[in-house]
Amino acid sequence: MPSTPSSRRSVGAVPAHPGSGVRNIGEVLRELAEDFPQVTASKIRFLEEKGLITPQRTRAGYRKYAAHDVERLRFVLALQRDQYLPLKVIKDYVDAIDRGERPESLPGGMSLSPRMVSDQLARELGSHARSLTAETLAAEAGATPRLMADLVNFGLIAPAEGRFDEHALKITKACVQLEGHGIEPRHLRPFRAAADRELGLVERVIAPEASRRDVASKARAAETAREISELCLGLHSALVYSHISRLDS
């Protein structure tokens, strides 16, 4: 089971570092290990390649990370892990903050700053990494037992080890509202099929990168998959709205 906000160390907490106040990449990995044990040096270099962090360089070319670099890394990694946001979205947000702007919110309504990470951020991000029992999911979404059973039977939601994630909660909430318009889960099977076809398309595109063993290639593959999915969702919305707009013309 995932850690609760009370048991998870603050995402923004940066341990005191003796001496010069800068770290090499090995020291950064040790600081991040408790919250992000899967992060590697290749992943950090990939984030640098994407412009998410800009560590100092020594005359010999070695990277040196200041406290604010580690803080920024925690912020970016937490949003990737817990909000599933594409790096482009995260970068646009932190770049706006770097320019002195105050962007209103991230997708999903979160309004955060990498210079203001705290226990509150840990609680907010932690709430997006929950796993839910079927009973909790039904209660939060306002779904009846029959609707829950239909959603599982028609493949719209699926438990992992008996629990559901926040994506299942979003799906269930949407289906509850659609049910109010007379649209039942059996009518929504084409959505599941379309999502599977889209996933197949994405997997074919990223296959060369995803097949490589190095972490940087896998990170690039995951980011490309997110970008393609966002484009597909945008295309789907545009196609639907283009037809709907004709209804009142």
Protein backbone atom coordinates (compact mmCIF):
# COMPACT_ATOMS: atom_id res chain seq x y z
CA MET A 1 0.00 0.00 0.00
CA PRO A 2 1.28 3.53 -0.71
CA SER A 3 2.54 5.67 2.12
CA THR A 4 0.11 8.11 3.62
CA PRO A 5 0.85 11.84 3.69
CA SER A 6 1.64 11.59 7.41
CA SER A 7 4.23 8.85 6.85
CA ARG A 8 5.80 10.33 3.74
CA ARG A 9 8.60 12.83 4.19
CA SER A 10 7.85 16.25 2.74
CA VAL A 11 8.45 16.29 -1.01
CA GLY A 12 10.06 19.69 -0.70
CA ALA A 13 12.29 19.01 2.26
CA VAL A 14 15.98 19.39 1.40
CA PRO A 15 18.32 17.92 4.02
CA ALA A 16 21.01 20.16 5.34
CA HIS A 17 24.22 19.70 3.39
CA PRO A 18 27.56 20.51 4.97
CA GLY A 19 30.36 22.48 3.43
CA SER A 20 29.94 24.36 0.18
CA GLY A 21 26.20 23.73 -0.16
CA VAL A 22 26.60 22.01 -3.55
CA ARG A 23 26.34 18.32 -4.33
CA ASN A 24 27.59 15.99 -6.98
CA ILE A 25 25.14 13.72 -8.72
CA GLY A 26 25.83 10.82 -6.37
CA GLU A 27 24.97 12.95 -3.34
CA VAL A 28 21.79 14.15 -5.05
CA LEU A 29 20.72 10.56 -5.67
CA ARG A 30 21.27 9.72 -2.00
CA GLU A 31 19.11 12.69 -0.95
CA LEU A 32 16.33 11.65 -3.33
CA ALA A 33 16.54 7.93 -2.60
CA GLU A 34 13.94 7.84 0.20
CA ASP A 35 11.17 9.50 -1.86
CA PHE A 36 12.29 8.44 -5.35
CA PRO A 37 14.24 5.18 -5.09
CA GLN A 38 13.95 4.47 -8.84
CA VAL A 39 15.66 7.71 -9.92
CA THR A 40 19.06 7.28 -11.54
CA ALA A 41 21.82 9.55 -12.76
CA SER A 42 20.59 8.99 -16.32
CA LYS A 43 17.12 10.20 -15.36
CA ILE A 44 18.54 13.38 -13.81
CA ARG A 45 20.65 14.02 -16.92
CA PHE A 46 17.55 13.47 -19.05
CA LEU A 47 15.68 16.12 -17.04
CA GLU A 48 18.63 18.45 -17.57
CA GLU A 49 18.55 17.69 -21.31
CA LYS A 50 14.87 18.71 -21.30
CA GLY A 51 15.68 21.99 -19.56
CA LEU A 52 13.97 21.17 -16.26
CA ILE A 53 17.12 21.80 -14.22
CA THR A 54 20.34 23.68 -14.96
CA PRO A 55 23.08 22.65 -12.52
CA GLN A 56 26.31 24.58 -12.28
CA ARG A 57 29.42 23.19 -13.93
CA THR A 58 32.96 23.15 -12.60
CA ARG A 59 35.84 24.18 -14.86
CA ALA A 60 36.41 20.50 -15.52
CA GLY A 61 32.77 20.13 -16.63
CA TYR A 62 31.41 18.26 -13.61
CA ARG A 63 27.85 19.02 -12.57
CA LYS A 64 27.26 20.65 -9.19
CA TYR A 65 23.75 20.78 -7.74
CA ALA A 66 22.68 23.49 -5.31
CA ALA A 67 19.88 23.10 -2.76
CA HIS A 68 17.38 24.75 -5.11
CA ASP A 69 18.30 22.26 -7.84
CA VAL A 70 17.43 19.36 -5.51
CA GLU A 71 14.21 21.12 -4.50
CA ARG A 72 13.28 21.59 -8.15
CA LEU A 73 14.06 17.95 -8.89
CA ARG A 74 11.73 16.83 -6.09
CA PHE A 75 8.99 19.03 -7.49
CA VAL A 76 9.34 17.75 -11.06
CA LEU A 77 9.65 14.10 -10.03
CA ALA A 78 6.65 14.34 -7.71
CA LEU A 79 4.45 15.86 -10.41
CA GLN A 80 5.53 13.17 -12.86
CA ARG A 81 4.92 10.36 -10.39
CA ASP A 82 1.74 11.54 -8.70
CA GLN A 83 0.06 13.77 -11.29
CA TYR A 84 1.24 11.94 -14.45
CA LEU A 85 1.92 15.28 -16.09
CA PRO A 86 4.01 15.51 -19.30
CA LEU A 87 7.39 17.15 -18.85
CA LYS A 88 6.40 19.86 -21.32
CA VAL A 89 3.51 20.91 -19.08
CA ILE A 90 5.73 20.90 -16.00
CA LYS A 91 8.46 22.83 -17.80
CA ASP A 92 6.06 25.50 -19.05
CA TYR A 93 4.81 25.91 -15.48
CA VAL A 94 8.22 26.22 -13.80
CA ASP A 95 9.53 28.43 -16.64
CA ALA A 96 6.65 30.82 -16.00
CA ILE A 97 7.59 30.93 -12.33
CA ASP A 98 11.24 31.56 -13.26
CA ARG A 99 10.11 34.54 -15.33
CA GLY A 100 8.45 35.99 -12.26
CA GLU A 101 4.93 35.11 -13.34
CA ARG A 102 2.31 33.48 -11.11
CA PRO A 103 0.60 30.81 -13.24
CA GLU A 104 -2.84 30.08 -11.86
CA SER A 105 -2.75 26.31 -11.80
CA LEU A 106 -1.52 23.07 -13.22
CA PRO A 107 -3.90 20.66 -14.97
CA GLY A 108 -6.18 19.31 -12.29
CA GLY A 109 -6.36 22.65 -10.49
CA MET A 110 -3.16 22.42 -8.45
CA SER A 111 -1.38 25.71 -7.92
CA LEU A 112 2.15 25.13 -6.68
CA SER A 113 5.61 26.58 -6.88
CA PRO A 114 8.94 24.73 -6.75
CA ARG A 115 10.14 27.44 -4.40
CA MET A 116 7.22 26.89 -2.04
CA VAL A 117 7.24 23.13 -1.57
CA SER A 118 6.24 22.08 1.91
CA ASP A 119 4.24 19.57 3.94
CA GLN A 120 1.14 20.96 2.21
CA LEU A 121 2.61 19.97 -1.18
CA ALA A 122 3.39 16.51 0.15
CA ARG A 123 -0.22 16.14 1.30
CA GLU A 124 -1.63 17.41 -2.00
CA LEU A 125 0.59 15.21 -4.13
CA GLY A 126 0.12 12.27 -1.80
CA SER A 127 -3.63 12.46 -2.23
CA HIS A 128 -3.18 11.83 -5.95
CA ALA A 129 -1.18 8.64 -5.33
CA ARG A 130 -3.91 6.85 -3.35
CA SER A 131 -5.25 3.40 -3.99
CA LEU A 132 -8.93 2.85 -3.29
CA THR A 133 -11.03 -0.10 -2.29
CA ALA A 134 -14.14 -0.78 -4.36
CA GLU A 135 -16.28 0.52 -1.51
CA THR A 136 -14.31 3.76 -1.19
CA LEU A 137 -14.30 4.27 -4.94
CA ALA A 138 -18.07 3.79 -5.14
CA ALA A 139 -18.67 6.16 -2.22
CA GLU A 140 -16.46 8.94 -3.59
CA ALA A 141 -17.87 8.67 -7.10
CA GLY A 142 -21.49 8.22 -5.99
CA ALA A 143 -21.76 4.95 -7.93
CA THR A 144 -24.26 2.19 -7.19
CA PRO A 145 -23.07 -1.41 -6.73
CA ARG A 146 -24.69 -2.30 -10.05
CA LEU A 147 -22.82 0.46 -11.89
CA MET A 148 -19.55 -0.60 -10.28
CA ALA A 149 -20.10 -4.18 -11.38
CA ASP A 150 -20.93 -3.08 -14.93
CA LEU A 151 -17.83 -0.87 -15.16
CA VAL A 152 -15.63 -3.81 -14.20
CA ASN A 153 -17.50 -6.29 -16.43
CA PHE A 154 -17.23 -4.03 -19.49
CA GLY A 155 -13.53 -3.37 -18.86
CA LEU A 156 -13.85 0.35 -18.13
CA ILE A 157 -12.11 0.01 -14.77
CA ALA A 158 -9.95 -2.80 -13.46
CA PRO A 159 -8.56 -3.36 -9.96
CA ALA A 160 -4.91 -4.09 -9.33
CA GLU A 161 -4.55 -6.46 -6.37
CA GLY A 162 -8.09 -5.59 -5.37
CA ARG A 163 -7.63 -1.81 -5.37
CA PHE A 164 -8.29 1.06 -7.80
CA ASP A 165 -6.28 4.17 -8.64
CA GLU A 166 -7.34 7.79 -9.20
CA HIS A 167 -7.85 7.12 -12.92
CA ALA A 168 -10.55 4.62 -12.02
CA LEU A 169 -12.11 7.27 -9.80
CA LYS A 170 -12.22 9.78 -12.69
CA ILE A 171 -13.71 7.16 -15.01
CA THR A 172 -16.33 6.17 -12.47
CA LYS A 173 -17.32 9.78 -11.77
CA ALA A 174 -17.73 10.41 -15.50
CA CYS A 175 -19.81 7.26 -15.90
CA VAL A 176 -22.05 8.26 -13.00
CA GLN A 177 -22.82 11.53 -14.77
CA LEU A 178 -23.28 9.82 -18.13
CA GLU A 179 -25.72 7.42 -16.51
CA GLY A 180 -27.83 10.45 -15.66
CA HIS A 181 -28.17 11.01 -19.42
CA GLY A 182 -29.21 7.41 -20.01
CA ILE A 183 -25.76 6.29 -21.17
CA GLU A 184 -24.84 2.99 -19.55
CA PRO A 185 -21.47 1.20 -19.33
CA ARG A 186 -22.51 -1.22 -22.10
CA HIS A 187 -22.78 1.80 -24.42
CA LEU A 188 -19.23 2.84 -23.53
CA ARG A 189 -17.41 -0.28 -24.68
CA PRO A 190 -16.25 1.53 -27.86
CA PHE A 191 -14.34 3.96 -25.63
CA ARG A 192 -12.38 1.07 -24.13
CA ALA A 193 -11.68 -0.33 -27.60
CA ALA A 194 -10.63 3.09 -28.90
CA ALA A 195 -8.29 3.58 -25.91
CA ASP A 196 -6.69 0.19 -26.58
CA ARG A 197 -6.18 1.08 -30.25
CA GLU A 198 -4.63 4.42 -29.30
CA LEU A 199 -2.32 2.67 -26.84
CA GLY A 200 -1.29 0.25 -29.58
CA LEU A 201 -0.45 3.18 -31.86
CA VAL A 202 1.61 4.87 -29.15
CA GLU A 203 3.48 1.65 -28.35
CA ARG A 204 4.44 1.18 -32.00
CA VAL A 205 5.84 4.71 -32.19
CA ILE A 206 7.91 4.46 -29.01
CA ALA A 207 8.99 0.82 -29.50
CA PRO A 208 12.55 1.61 -30.76
CA GLU A 209 13.26 3.88 -27.76
CA ALA A 210 11.42 1.73 -25.21
CA SER A 211 13.36 -1.39 -26.25
CA ARG A 212 16.68 0.13 -25.18
CA ARG A 213 17.92 -0.79 -21.74
CA ASP A 214 19.26 2.56 -20.56
CA VAL A 215 17.10 4.66 -18.26
CA ALA A 216 17.36 7.84 -20.38
CA SER A 217 15.86 6.04 -23.39
CA LYS A 218 13.01 4.67 -21.30
CA ALA A 219 12.35 8.13 -19.89
CA ARG A 220 12.27 9.59 -23.41
CA ALA A 221 9.89 6.83 -24.49
CA ALA A 222 7.54 7.55 -21.57
CA GLU A 223 7.58 11.27 -22.30
CA THR A 224 6.93 10.72 -26.01
CA ALA A 225 4.03 8.44 -25.08
CA ARG A 226 2.52 11.19 -22.92
CA GLU A 227 2.91 13.78 -25.68
CA ILE A 228 1.31 11.55 -28.32
CA SER A 229 -1.56 10.71 -25.96
CA GLU A 230 -2.19 14.41 -25.31
CA LEU A 231 -2.25 15.06 -29.06
CA CYS A 232 -4.65 12.16 -29.62
CA LEU A 233 -6.97 13.45 -26.90
CA GLY A 234 -6.88 16.91 -28.44
CA LEU A 235 -7.67 15.48 -31.86
CA HIS A 236 -10.56 13.45 -30.46
CA SER A 237 -12.04 16.49 -28.72
CA ALA A 238 -11.69 18.64 -31.84
CA LEU A 239 -13.40 16.05 -34.02
CA VAL A 240 -16.31 15.67 -31.58
CA TYR A 241 -16.74 19.41 -31.02
CA SER A 242 -16.61 20.09 -34.76
CA HIS A 243 -19.75 17.96 -35.16
CA ILE A 244 -21.46 19.31 -32.05
CA SER A 245 -20.95 22.89 -33.22
CA ARG A 246 -23.16 22.14 -36.23
CA LEU A 247 -26.13 21.35 -33.98
CA ASP A 248 -26.87 25.02 -33.28
CA SER A 249 -25.73 26.44 -36.63
